[in-house]
Amino acid sequence: MFTVRQTQEFQDWLDGLKDIKAQLRIVARLRLAEAGNLGDWKSVGGEVSEMRVAFGPGYRLYFTKRQNILIVMLAGGDKSTQARDIKRAQKILQQLELE
């Protein structure tokens, strides 16, 4: 089991989605992650990984794991903004490490 925490940026992105079905699927995906099932995911560089949600434009949820008990959701996006979103997630992680 994992504890899932969200950065403000991730919360703002999720709350800003206009597709309510997509929001519900993403929330369901986070609940699965809390239960220990990360599903379709991969490392995208450094300590940042991406969970893929096969719905709509192909949502991506960027996260980092800490001590196998904590997942910090850094940012979100979709396939069309993937490269930019990965860079943003890595920058957010660097800022968190400085705090």
Foldseek 3Di string as FASTA:
>chain_A
DAAEAEDPQAVVVLVPDPDVVVSVQVVVCVVVVQVVDNDDKDAPDDQKIWRWDPDDQIKIWIWGDDPVHYIYTQHIDGPVCVVVGVVNSVVSVVVVVVD
